[in-house]
C-alpha cells in the first residue's frame, strides 16, 4: 500500500460526515507504519476503545482510498478457552484476538442506523499476520497450503467484499 497523508486518510471516510472524519484520532506516526506490508491501514482509537478505523487503498489507478469507521460490538463475550477466526485474513486467535466490528452503511441507510459487521483481528493487523511479521497467541496456528500471494489475494478479496457491502447503497 502506498503511504497516505493525514488529509488523504480523513478524506477517505465514506460512512461518516466530514466533521466526524475531521475529529478522528489518526495513528500518531504515519511515516513509521510498515506501508509496504499493508493491504489496508487499520487502527483502534486509543481515546475511545469501542471505535476502530480501516482505510483501504484505491482499487483503481487514480482512484481514492476508502475509509470506514467501525464500532466494536458491545458486550461481546470472550472465552479464553476458545479460538476465533478473523473474517478477513482467516488468522486464528485465542481469547480476545478477534472482535466483531460493525460499520455503518454509507449514505442514507447508515444515517438510519443500518450496519454491516465482520469478525476481524482485534488489532486490525491482518496484513502483518498473513506475512508472518506478527503472530497470534494460538499455541498451534493453522497450517495452510496456500502461498503468501494467495493468502494476500484472499484477504484483499474478503476486504473488497466487506467494502462493497458497506458502500453498496450509497450511490
Foldseek 3Di string as FASTA:
>chain_A
DDQDDLVLQLVQEQLDDSVVSVPQDDDDDSVPDPVVLDQWDKAARPVDRQKIKIWGQAPDVVDGIHMWIKGFDPPDDWDQVDWDAFQQLRWIAGTPQKTKIWTQAGAPSSVVPDIDITIHGSGNPSSCPLVVVDHHPDPDIDDDPDDSVVSSVSNSVSVVVRNCVRHVPHD
